[in-house]
Amino acid sequence: MERIKKGDEVIVLAGRDSGKRGTVLRVFKDGRALVDNVNLVKKHAKPNPNKGETGGIVEKEAPIQISNIGLYNPVTEKADRVGFKVLEDGRKVRYFKSNGEVVDV
């Protein structure tokens, strides 16, 4: 089970975009994640008339290291560390380390 999953609300802890909040769009196996409107880079794209694409400078999200993002805790309104515990019914869930609240319900 991953500490950060697709659809999670996260805060950037380090780097150029530190303090920004966004939603995880995709998690890669090499320890990186794609976050909505975070780590925007400019890519120079060639036009492709067969697909109907115009050329120019396109802004898109680039992956960011998972170690540089933290799961957003709505109670404290800050980034929080995540732990795992097993509930009485046998489910393994994530919880916030600061207040013990379960993330996965």
PDB file of N, CA and C in Angstrom:
ATOM      1  N   MET A   1       0.846  -1.183   0.000  1.00  0.00           N
ATOM      2  CA  MET A   1       0.000   0.000   0.000  1.00  0.00           C
ATOM      3  C   MET A   1       0.889   1.243   0.000  1.00  0.00           C
ATOM      4  N   GLU A   2       0.518   2.201  -0.809  1.00  0.00           N
ATOM      5  CA  GLU A   2       1.307   3.429  -0.952  1.00  0.00           C
ATOM      6  C   GLU A   2       0.869   4.480   0.071  1.00  0.00           C
ATOM      7  N   ARG A   3       1.794   5.335   0.467  1.00  0.00           N
ATOM      8  CA  ARG A   3       1.455   6.424   1.377  1.00  0.00           C
ATOM      9  C   ARG A   3       0.680   7.524   0.658  1.00  0.00           C
ATOM     10  N   ILE A   4       0.985   7.716  -0.616  1.00  0.00           N
ATOM     11  CA  ILE A   4       0.288   8.719  -1.420  1.00  0.00           C
ATOM     12  C   ILE A   4      -0.301   8.021  -2.632  1.00  0.00           C
ATOM     13  N   LYS A   5      -1.598   8.262  -2.882  1.00  0.00           N
ATOM     14  CA  LYS A   5      -2.308   7.591  -3.966  1.00  0.00           C
ATOM     15  C   LYS A   5      -2.903   8.619  -4.917  1.00  0.00           C
ATOM     16  N   LYS A   6      -3.362   8.132  -6.059  1.00  0.00           N
ATOM     17  CA  LYS A   6      -4.043   8.974  -7.033  1.00  0.00           C
ATOM     18  C   LYS A   6      -5.318   9.532  -6.404  1.00  0.00           C
ATOM     19  N   GLY A   7      -5.535  10.834  -6.587  1.00  0.00           N
ATOM     20  CA  GLY A   7      -6.724  11.479  -6.045  1.00  0.00           C
ATOM     21  C   GLY A   7      -6.515  12.131  -4.693  1.00  0.00           C
ATOM     22  N   ASP A   8      -5.361  11.918  -4.062  1.00  0.00           N
ATOM     23  CA  ASP A   8      -5.073  12.527  -2.762  1.00  0.00           C
ATOM     24  C   ASP A   8      -4.790  14.017  -2.917  1.00  0.00           C
ATOM     25  N   GLU A   9      -5.175  14.783  -1.909  1.00  0.00           N
ATOM     26  CA  GLU A   9      -4.853  16.214  -1.836  1.00  0.00           C
ATOM     27  C   GLU A   9      -3.504  16.332  -1.131  1.00  0.00           C
ATOM     28  N   VAL A  10      -2.525  16.965  -1.785  1.00  0.00           N
ATOM     29  CA  VAL A  10      -1.178  17.054  -1.233  1.00  0.00           C
ATOM     30  C   VAL A  10      -0.682  18.499  -1.213  1.00  0.00           C
ATOM     31  N   ILE A  11       0.341  18.741  -0.399  1.00  0.00           N
ATOM     32  CA  ILE A  11       1.027  20.034  -0.327  1.00  0.00           C
ATOM     33  C   ILE A  11       2.496  19.790  -0.665  1.00  0.00           C
ATOM     34  N   VAL A  12       3.077  20.676  -1.463  1.00  0.00           N
ATOM     35  CA  VAL A  12       4.493  20.568  -1.816  1.00  0.00           C
ATOM     36  C   VAL A  12       5.312  21.095  -0.647  1.00  0.00           C
ATOM     37  N   LEU A  13       6.271  20.292  -0.171  1.00  0.00           N
ATOM     38  CA  LEU A  13       7.080  20.645   0.991  1.00  0.00           C
ATOM     39  C   LEU A  13       8.395  21.307   0.614  1.00  0.00           C
ATOM     40  N   ALA A  14       8.948  20.951  -0.548  1.00  0.00           N
ATOM     41  CA  ALA A  14      10.265  21.469  -0.917  1.00  0.00           C
ATOM     42  C   ALA A  14      10.302  21.760  -2.406  1.00  0.00           C
ATOM     43  N   GLY A  15      11.175  22.690  -2.766  1.00  0.00           N
ATOM     44  CA  GLY A  15      11.368  23.012  -4.171  1.00  0.00           C
ATOM     45  C   GLY A  15      10.759  24.336  -4.563  1.00  0.00           C
ATOM     46  N   ARG A  16      10.711  24.565  -5.853  1.00  0.00           N
ATOM     47  CA  ARG A  16      10.252  25.836  -6.413  1.00  0.00           C
ATOM     48  C   ARG A  16       8.794  26.127  -6.070  1.00  0.00           C
ATOM     49  N   ASP A  17       7.970  25.093  -5.990  1.00  0.00           N
ATOM     50  CA  ASP A  17       6.533  25.268  -5.757  1.00  0.00           C
ATOM     51  C   ASP A  17       6.131  24.971  -4.320  1.00  0.00           C
ATOM     52  N   SER A  18       7.035  25.105  -3.358  1.00  0.00           N
ATOM     53  CA  SER A  18       6.708  24.742  -1.977  1.00  0.00           C
ATOM     54  C   SER A  18       5.551  25.590  -1.454  1.00  0.00           C
ATOM     55  N   GLY A  19       4.638  24.926  -0.769  1.00  0.00           N
ATOM     56  CA  GLY A  19       3.450  25.584  -0.231  1.00  0.00           C
ATOM     57  C   GLY A  19       2.224  25.442  -1.102  1.00  0.00           C
ATOM     58  N   LYS A  20       2.392  25.031  -2.358  1.00  0.00           N
ATOM     59  CA  LYS A  20       1.244  24.871  -3.253  1.00  0.00           C
ATOM     60  C   LYS A  20       0.498  23.592  -2.929  1.00  0.00           C
ATOM     61  N   ARG A  21      -0.819  23.629  -3.168  1.00  0.00           N
ATOM     62  CA  ARG A  21      -1.674  22.480  -2.942  1.00  0.00           C
ATOM     63  C   ARG A  21      -2.194  21.965  -4.272  1.00  0.00           C
ATOM     64  N   GLY A  22      -2.363  20.663  -4.386  1.00  0.00           N
ATOM     65  CA  GLY A  22      -2.893  20.086  -5.614  1.00  0.00           C
ATOM     66  C   GLY A  22      -3.341  18.656  -5.404  1.00  0.00           C
ATOM     67  N   THR A  23      -3.945  18.111  -6.446  1.00  0.00           N
ATOM     68  CA  THR A  23      -4.434  16.739  -6.422  1.00  0.00           C
ATOM     69  C   THR A  23      -3.491  15.848  -7.217  1.00  0.00           C
ATOM     70  N   VAL A  24      -3.214  14.665  -6.705  1.00  0.00           N
ATOM     71  CA  VAL A  24      -2.332  13.722  -7.388  1.00  0.00           C
ATOM     72  C   VAL A  24      -3.071  13.142  -8.587  1.00  0.00           C
ATOM     73  N   LEU A  25      -2.485  13.305  -9.775  1.00  0.00           N
ATOM     74  CA  LEU A  25      -3.071  12.778 -10.997  1.00  0.00           C
ATOM     75  C   LEU A  25      -2.587  11.366 -11.287  1.00  0.00           C
ATOM     76  N   ARG A  26      -1.321  11.091 -10.941  1.00  0.00           N
ATOM     77  CA  ARG A  26      -0.735   9.791 -11.250  1.00  0.00           C
ATOM     78  C   ARG A  26       0.470   9.566 -10.348  1.00  0.00           C
ATOM     79  N   VAL A  27       0.684   8.326  -9.925  1.00  0.00           N
ATOM     80  CA  VAL A  27       1.860   7.961  -9.130  1.00  0.00           C
ATOM     81  C   VAL A  27       2.683   6.979  -9.960  1.00  0.00           C
ATOM     82  N   PHE A  28       3.980   7.277 -10.105  1.00  0.00           N
ATOM     83  CA  PHE A  28       4.881   6.427 -10.874  1.00  0.00           C
ATOM     84  C   PHE A  28       5.603   5.460  -9.945  1.00  0.00           C
ATOM     85  N   LYS A  29       6.092   4.344 -10.503  1.00  0.00           N
ATOM     86  CA  LYS A  29       6.761   3.316  -9.702  1.00  0.00           C
ATOM     87  C   LYS A  29       8.131   3.752  -9.202  1.00  0.00           C
ATOM     88  N   ASP A  30       8.730   4.754  -9.836  1.00  0.00           N
ATOM     89  CA  ASP A  30      10.082   5.164  -9.453  1.00  0.00           C
ATOM     90  C   ASP A  30      10.091   6.221  -8.353  1.00  0.00           C
ATOM     91  N   GLY A  31       8.970   6.403  -7.651  1.00  0.00           N
ATOM     92  CA  GLY A  31       8.935   7.318  -6.512  1.00  0.00           C
ATOM     93  C   GLY A  31       8.615   8.755  -6.878  1.00  0.00           C
ATOM     94  N   ARG A  32       7.931   8.954  -7.987  1.00  0.00           N
ATOM     95  CA  ARG A  32       7.527  10.294  -8.387  1.00  0.00           C
ATOM     96  C   ARG A  32       6.018  10.334  -8.554  1.00  0.00           C
ATOM     97  N   ALA A  33       5.454  11.547  -8.496  1.00  0.00           N
ATOM     98  CA  ALA A  33       4.014  11.709  -8.664  1.00  0.00           C
ATOM     99  C   ALA A  33       3.746  12.930  -9.531  1.00  0.00           C
ATOM    100  N   LEU A  34       2.650  12.881 -10.268  1.00  0.00           N
ATOM    101  CA  LEU A  34       2.215  13.995 -11.098  1.00  0.00           C
ATOM    102  C   LEU A  34       1.098  14.702 -10.341  1.00  0.00           C
ATOM    103  N   VAL A  35       1.305  15.987 -10.011  1.00  0.00           N
ATOM    104  CA  VAL A  35       0.349  16.745  -9.210  1.00  0.00           C
ATOM    105  C   VAL A  35      -0.231  17.865 -10.068  1.00  0.00           C
ATOM    106  N   ASP A  36      -1.542  18.063  -9.960  1.00  0.00           N
ATOM    107  CA  ASP A  36      -2.260  19.054 -10.761  1.00  0.00           C
ATOM    108  C   ASP A  36      -1.779  20.466 -10.441  1.00  0.00           C
ATOM    109  N   ASN A  37      -1.374  21.220 -11.458  1.00  0.00           N
ATOM    110  CA  ASN A  37      -0.925  22.619 -11.366  1.00  0.00           C
ATOM    111  C   ASN A  37       0.285  22.811 -10.461  1.00  0.00           C
ATOM    112  N   VAL A  38       1.149  21.808 -10.366  1.00  0.00           N
ATOM    113  CA  VAL A  38       2.379  21.918  -9.585  1.00  0.00           C
ATOM    114  C   VAL A  38       3.530  21.466 -10.467  1.00  0.00           C
ATOM    115  N   ASN A  39       4.684  22.116 -10.332  1.00  0.00           N
ATOM    116  CA  ASN A  39       5.887  21.806 -11.098  1.00  0.00           C
ATOM    117  C   ASN A  39       5.623  21.948 -12.596  1.00  0.00           C
ATOM    118  N   LEU A  40       5.057  23.091 -12.989  1.00  0.00           N
ATOM    119  CA  LEU A  40       4.766  23.357 -14.391  1.00  0.00           C
ATOM    120  C   LEU A  40       6.050  23.659 -15.144  1.00  0.00           C
ATOM    121  N   VAL A  41       6.208  23.014 -16.307  1.00  0.00           N
ATOM    122  CA  VAL A  41       7.366  23.257 -17.167  1.00  0.00           C
ATOM    123  C   VAL A  41       6.856  23.646 -18.546  1.00  0.00           C
ATOM    124  N   LYS A  42       7.706  24.364 -19.295  1.00  0.00           N
ATOM    125  CA  LYS A  42       7.358  24.754 -20.655  1.00  0.00           C
ATOM    126  C   LYS A  42       7.997  23.778 -21.621  1.00  0.00           C
ATOM    127  N   LYS A  43       7.192  23.252 -22.518  1.00  0.00           N
ATOM    128  CA  LYS A  43       7.681  22.296 -23.511  1.00  0.00           C
ATOM    129  C   LYS A  43       7.446  22.881 -24.891  1.00  0.00           C
ATOM    130  N   HIS A  44       8.481  22.868 -25.711  1.00  0.00           N
ATOM    131  CA  HIS A  44       8.371  23.354 -27.077  1.00  0.00           C
ATOM    132  C   HIS A  44       7.878  22.211 -27.953  1.00  0.00           C
ATOM    133  N   ALA A  45       6.680  22.369 -28.510  1.00  0.00           N
ATOM    134  CA  ALA A  45       6.057  21.301 -29.290  1.00  0.00           C
ATOM    135  C   ALA A  45       6.022  21.656 -30.760  1.00  0.00           C
ATOM    136  N   LYS A  46       6.336  20.666 -31.589  1.00  0.00           N
ATOM    137  CA  LYS A  46       6.255  20.855 -33.029  1.00  0.00           C
ATOM    138  C   LYS A  46       4.810  20.686 -33.479  1.00  0.00           C
ATOM    139  N   PRO A  47       4.412  21.396 -34.509  1.00  0.00           N
ATOM    140  CA  PRO A  47       3.045  21.187 -35.009  1.00  0.00           C
ATOM    141  C   PRO A  47       2.928  19.836 -35.710  1.00  0.00           C
ATOM    142  N   ASN A  48       1.756  19.221 -35.594  1.00  0.00           N
ATOM    143  CA  ASN A  48       1.477  17.954 -36.271  1.00  0.00           C
ATOM    144  C   ASN A  48       0.173  18.113 -37.036  1.00  0.00           C
ATOM    145  N   PRO A  49       0.258  18.418 -38.330  1.00  0.00           N
ATOM    146  CA  PRO A  49      -0.960  18.658 -39.107  1.00  0.00           C
ATOM    147  C   PRO A  49      -1.835  17.411 -39.264  1.00  0.00           C
ATOM    148  N   ASN A  50      -1.243  16.220 -39.175  1.00  0.00           N
ATOM    149  CA  ASN A  50      -2.022  14.990 -39.290  1.00  0.00           C
ATOM    150  C   ASN A  50      -2.989  14.825 -38.119  1.00  0.00           C
ATOM    151  N   LYS A  51      -2.550  15.216 -36.913  1.00  0.00           N
ATOM    152  CA  LYS A  51      -3.398  15.127 -35.723  1.00  0.00           C
ATOM    153  C   LYS A  51      -4.146  16.431 -35.456  1.00  0.00           C
ATOM    154  N   GLY A  52      -3.838  17.464 -36.199  1.00  0.00           N
ATOM    155  CA  GLY A  52      -4.483  18.756 -35.988  1.00  0.00           C
ATOM    156  C   GLY A  52      -3.932  19.525 -34.804  1.00  0.00           C
ATOM    157  N   GLU A  53      -2.691  19.225 -34.399  1.00  0.00           N
ATOM    158  CA  GLU A  53      -2.077  19.909 -33.266  1.00  0.00           C
ATOM    159  C   GLU A  53      -1.276  21.109 -33.760  1.00  0.00           C
ATOM    160  N   THR A  54      -1.423  22.215 -33.044  1.00  0.00           N
ATOM    161  CA  THR A  54      -0.629  23.398 -33.380  1.00  0.00           C
ATOM    162  C   THR A  54       0.659  23.360 -32.568  1.00  0.00           C
ATOM    163  N   GLY A  55       1.677  23.984 -33.116  1.00  0.00           N
ATOM    164  CA  GLY A  55       2.965  24.031 -32.437  1.00  0.00           C
ATOM    165  C   GLY A  55       3.023  25.209 -31.484  1.00  0.00           C
ATOM    166  N   GLY A  56       4.108  25.315 -30.759  1.00  0.00           N
ATOM    167  CA  GLY A  56       4.308  26.433 -29.846  1.00  0.00           C
ATOM    168  C   GLY A  56       4.827  25.968 -28.501  1.00  0.00           C
ATOM    169  N   ILE A  57       4.770  26.865 -27.538  1.00  0.00           N
ATOM    170  CA  ILE A  57       5.247  26.567 -26.191  1.00  0.00           C
ATOM    171  C   ILE A  57       4.045  26.154 -25.344  1.00  0.00           C
ATOM    172  N   VAL A  58       4.104  24.933 -24.821  1.00  0.00           N
ATOM    173  CA  VAL A  58       2.999  24.364 -24.052  1.00  0.00           C
ATOM    174  C   VAL A  58       3.438  24.222 -22.600  1.00  0.00           C
ATOM    175  N   GLU A  59       2.584  24.639 -21.655  1.00  0.00           N
ATOM    176  CA  GLU A  59       2.866  24.425 -20.234  1.00  0.00           C
ATOM    177  C   GLU A  59       2.199  23.141 -19.792  1.00  0.00           C
ATOM    178  N   LYS A  60       2.977  22.282 -19.115  1.00  0.00           N
ATOM    179  CA  LYS A  60       2.415  21.027 -18.613  1.00  0.00           C
ATOM    180  C   LYS A  60       3.072  20.665 -17.291  1.00  0.00           C
ATOM    181  N   GLU A  61       2.430  19.749 -16.555  1.00  0.00           N
ATOM    182  CA  GLU A  61       2.958  19.319 -15.268  1.00  0.00           C
ATOM    183  C   GLU A  61       4.084  18.312 -15.476  1.00  0.00           C
ATOM    184  N   ALA A  62       5.106  18.419 -14.653  1.00  0.00           N
ATOM    185  CA  ALA A  62       6.183  17.439 -14.651  1.00  0.00           C
ATOM    186  C   ALA A  62       6.115  16.682 -13.326  1.00  0.00           C
ATOM    187  N   PRO A  63       6.584  15.434 -13.297  1.00  0.00           N
ATOM    188  CA  PRO A  63       6.545  14.664 -12.050  1.00  0.00           C
ATOM    189  C   PRO A  63       7.422  15.285 -10.969  1.00  0.00           C
ATOM    190  N   ILE A  64       7.037  15.084  -9.717  1.00  0.00           N
ATOM    191  CA  ILE A  64       7.776  15.594  -8.563  1.00  0.00           C
ATOM    192  C   ILE A  64       8.029  14.416  -7.627  1.00  0.00           C
ATOM    193  N   GLN A  65       9.161  14.439  -6.940  1.00  0.00           N
ATOM    194  CA  GLN A  65       9.502  13.360  -6.014  1.00  0.00           C
ATOM    195  C   GLN A  65       8.465  13.260  -4.898  1.00  0.00           C
ATOM    196  N   ILE A  66       8.087  12.056  -4.530  1.00  0.00           N
ATOM    197  CA  ILE A  66       7.096  11.847  -3.465  1.00  0.00           C
ATOM    198  C   ILE A  66       7.633  12.339  -2.127  1.00  0.00           C
ATOM    199  N   SER A  67       8.966  12.320  -1.952  1.00  0.00           N
ATOM    200  CA  SER A  67       9.546  12.793  -0.693  1.00  0.00           C
ATOM    201  C   SER A  67       9.363  14.297  -0.522  1.00  0.00           C
ATOM    202  N   ASN A  68       9.061  15.016  -1.603  1.00  0.00           N
ATOM    203  CA  ASN A  68       8.885  16.470  -1.537  1.00  0.00           C
ATOM    204  C   ASN A  68       7.432  16.888  -1.411  1.00  0.00           C
ATOM    205  N   ILE A  69       6.511  15.927  -1.249  1.00  0.00           N
ATOM    206  CA  ILE A  69       5.107  16.273  -1.052  1.00  0.00           C
ATOM    207  C   ILE A  69       4.591  15.578   0.197  1.00  0.00           C
ATOM    208  N   GLY A  70       3.576  16.188   0.823  1.00  0.00           N
ATOM    209  CA  GLY A  70       2.968  15.611   2.014  1.00  0.00           C
ATOM    210  C   GLY A  70       1.460  15.606   1.874  1.00  0.00           C
ATOM    211  N   LEU A  71       0.814  14.626   2.454  1.00  0.00           N
ATOM    212  CA  LEU A  71      -0.634  14.507   2.394  1.00  0.00           C
ATOM    213  C   LEU A  71      -1.276  15.640   3.190  1.00  0.00           C
ATOM    214  N   TYR A  72      -2.289  16.285   2.597  1.00  0.00           N
ATOM    215  CA  TYR A  72      -2.955  17.423   3.228  1.00  0.00           C
ATOM    216  C   TYR A  72      -3.951  16.929   4.276  1.00  0.00           C
ATOM    217  N   ASN A  73      -3.818  17.452   5.491  1.00  0.00           N
ATOM    218  CA  ASN A  73      -4.733  17.118   6.577  1.00  0.00           C
ATOM    219  C   ASN A  73      -5.742  18.254   6.716  1.00  0.00           C
ATOM    220  N   PRO A  74      -7.040  18.030   6.418  1.00  0.00           N
ATOM    221  CA  PRO A  74      -8.024  19.119   6.476  1.00  0.00           C
ATOM    222  C   PRO A  74      -8.296  19.639   7.880  1.00  0.00           C
ATOM    223  N   VAL A  75      -8.003  18.838   8.911  1.00  0.00           N
ATOM    224  CA  VAL A  75      -8.238  19.280  10.288  1.00  0.00           C
ATOM    225  C   VAL A  75      -7.198  20.316  10.693  1.00  0.00           C
ATOM    226  N   THR A  76      -5.926  20.013  10.460  1.00  0.00           N
ATOM    227  CA  THR A  76      -4.851  20.947  10.832  1.00  0.00           C
ATOM    228  C   THR A  76      -4.543  21.941   9.727  1.00  0.00           C
ATOM    229  N   GLU A  77      -5.049  21.672   8.506  1.00  0.00           N
ATOM    230  CA  GLU A  77      -4.800  22.494   7.320  1.00  0.00           C
ATOM    231  C   GLU A  77      -3.312  22.613   7.011  1.00  0.00           C
ATOM    232  N   LYS A  78      -2.573  21.521   7.243  1.00  0.00           N
ATOM    233  CA  LYS A  78      -1.150  21.451   6.951  1.00  0.00           C
ATOM    234  C   LYS A  78      -0.846  20.091   6.336  1.00  0.00           C
ATOM    235  N   ALA A  79       0.387  19.943   5.867  1.00  0.00           N
ATOM    236  CA  ALA A  79       0.836  18.634   5.397  1.00  0.00           C
ATOM    237  C   ALA A  79       1.097  17.756   6.606  1.00  0.00           C
ATOM    238  N   ASP A  80       0.840  16.472   6.451  1.00  0.00           N
ATOM    239  CA  ASP A  80       0.976  15.562   7.576  1.00  0.00           C
ATOM    240  C   ASP A  80       1.648  14.273   7.141  1.00  0.00           C
ATOM    241  N   ARG A  81       2.299  13.606   8.101  1.00  0.00           N
ATOM    242  CA  ARG A  81       2.896  12.310   7.841  1.00  0.00           C
ATOM    243  C   ARG A  81       1.819  11.239   7.906  1.00  0.00           C
ATOM    244  N   VAL A  82       2.057  10.139   7.213  1.00  0.00           N
ATOM    245  CA  VAL A  82       1.055   9.086   7.098  1.00  0.00           C
ATOM    246  C   VAL A  82       1.620   7.787   7.653  1.00  0.00           C
ATOM    247  N   GLY A  83       0.782   7.075   8.405  1.00  0.00           N
ATOM    248  CA  GLY A  83       1.140   5.754   8.915  1.00  0.00           C
ATOM    249  C   GLY A  83       0.081   4.756   8.505  1.00  0.00           C
ATOM    250  N   PHE A  84       0.329   3.487   8.830  1.00  0.00           N
ATOM    251  CA  PHE A  84      -0.618   2.418   8.503  1.00  0.00           C
ATOM    252  C   PHE A  84      -1.033   1.711   9.771  1.00  0.00           C
ATOM    253  N   LYS A  85      -2.296   1.303   9.814  1.00  0.00           N
ATOM    254  CA  LYS A  85      -2.757   0.451  10.907  1.00  0.00           C
ATOM    255  C   LYS A  85      -3.859  -0.458  10.372  1.00  0.00           C
ATOM    256  N   VAL A  86      -4.072  -1.562  11.093  1.00  0.00           N
ATOM    257  CA  VAL A  86      -5.080  -2.532  10.706  1.00  0.00           C
ATOM    258  C   VAL A  86      -6.276  -2.360  11.637  1.00  0.00           C
ATOM    259  N   LEU A  87      -7.464  -2.186  11.049  1.00  0.00           N
ATOM    260  CA  LEU A  87      -8.683  -2.032  11.836  1.00  0.00           C
ATOM    261  C   LEU A  87      -9.166  -3.386  12.356  1.00  0.00           C
ATOM    262  N   GLU A  88     -10.201  -3.355  13.218  1.00  0.00           N
ATOM    263  CA  GLU A  88     -10.730  -4.582  13.812  1.00  0.00           C
ATOM    264  C   GLU A  88     -11.280  -5.539  12.758  1.00  0.00           C
ATOM    265  N   ASP A  89     -11.832  -4.974  11.670  1.00  0.00           N
ATOM    266  CA  ASP A  89     -12.402  -5.833  10.625  1.00  0.00           C
ATOM    267  C   ASP A  89     -11.341  -6.370   9.657  1.00  0.00           C
ATOM    268  N   GLY A  90     -10.063  -6.072   9.903  1.00  0.00           N
ATOM    269  CA  GLY A  90      -8.985  -6.633   9.097  1.00  0.00           C
ATOM    270  C   GLY A  90      -8.504  -5.754   7.960  1.00  0.00           C
ATOM    271  N   ARG A  91      -9.121  -4.568   7.774  1.00  0.00           N
ATOM    272  CA  ARG A  91      -8.686  -3.680   6.692  1.00  0.00           C
ATOM    273  C   ARG A  91      -7.437  -2.911   7.107  1.00  0.00           C
ATOM    274  N   LYS A  92      -6.511  -2.768   6.152  1.00  0.00           N
ATOM    275  CA  LYS A  92      -5.318  -1.962   6.372  1.00  0.00           C
ATOM    276  C   LYS A  92      -5.618  -0.566   5.843  1.00  0.00           C
ATOM    277  N   VAL A  93      -5.492   0.457   6.697  1.00  0.00           N
ATOM    278  CA  VAL A  93      -5.832   1.823   6.306  1.00  0.00           C
ATOM    279  C   VAL A  93      -4.679   2.769   6.629  1.00  0.00           C
ATOM    280  N   ARG A  94      -4.702   3.928   5.970  1.00  0.00           N
ATOM    281  CA  ARG A  94      -3.739   4.997   6.260  1.00  0.00           C
ATOM    282  C   ARG A  94      -4.334   5.914   7.307  1.00  0.00           C
ATOM    283  N   TYR A  95      -3.473   6.497   8.158  1.00  0.00           N
ATOM    284  CA  TYR A  95      -3.943   7.461   9.142  1.00  0.00           C
ATOM    285  C   TYR A  95      -2.918   8.573   9.293  1.00  0.00           C
ATOM    286  N   PHE A  96      -3.394   9.754   9.736  1.00  0.00           N
ATOM    287  CA  PHE A  96      -2.510  10.884   9.968  1.00  0.00           C
ATOM    288  C   PHE A  96      -1.781  10.674  11.300  1.00  0.00           C
ATOM    289  N   LYS A  97      -0.460  10.873  11.304  1.00  0.00           N
ATOM    290  CA  LYS A  97       0.340  10.660  12.505  1.00  0.00           C
ATOM    291  C   LYS A  97       0.048  11.718  13.579  1.00  0.00           C
ATOM    292  N   SER A  98      -0.346  12.938  13.176  1.00  0.00           N
ATOM    293  CA  SER A  98      -0.503  14.006  14.164  1.00  0.00           C
ATOM    294  C   SER A  98      -1.737  13.816  15.040  1.00  0.00           C
ATOM    295  N   ASN A  99      -2.868  13.418  14.432  1.00  0.00           N
ATOM    296  CA  ASN A  99      -4.089  13.300  15.239  1.00  0.00           C
ATOM    297  C   ASN A  99      -4.700  11.906  15.199  1.00  0.00           C
ATOM    298  N   GLY A 100      -4.123  10.975  14.479  1.00  0.00           N
ATOM    299  CA  GLY A 100      -4.612   9.607  14.451  1.00  0.00           C
ATOM    300  C   GLY A 100      -5.864   9.384  13.626  1.00  0.00           C
ATOM    301  N   GLU A 101      -6.321  10.408  12.899  1.00  0.00           N
ATOM    302  CA  GLU A 101      -7.525  10.294  12.089  1.00  0.00           C
ATOM    303  C   GLU A 101      -7.256   9.421  10.868  1.00  0.00           C
ATOM    304  N   VAL A 102      -8.218   8.544  10.530  1.00  0.00           N
ATOM    305  CA  VAL A 102      -8.069   7.625   9.410  1.00  0.00           C
ATOM    306  C   VAL A 102      -8.311   8.366   8.097  1.00  0.00           C
ATOM    307  N   VAL A 103      -7.418   8.158   7.117  1.00  0.00           N
ATOM    308  CA  VAL A 103      -7.551   8.806   5.805  1.00  0.00           C
ATOM    309  C   VAL A 103      -8.524   8.032   4.938  1.00  0.00           C
ATOM    310  N   ASP A 104      -8.348   6.715   4.846  1.00  0.00           N
ATOM    311  CA  ASP A 104      -9.191   5.864   4.006  1.00  0.00           C
ATOM    312  C   ASP A 104     -10.397   5.400   4.803  1.00  0.00           C
ATOM    313  N   VAL A 105     -11.571   5.846   4.397  1.00  0.00           N
ATOM    314  CA  VAL A 105     -12.799   5.437   5.107  1.00  0.00           C
ATOM    315  C   VAL A 105     -13.631   4.548   4.227  1.00  0.00           C
TER     316      VAL A 105
END
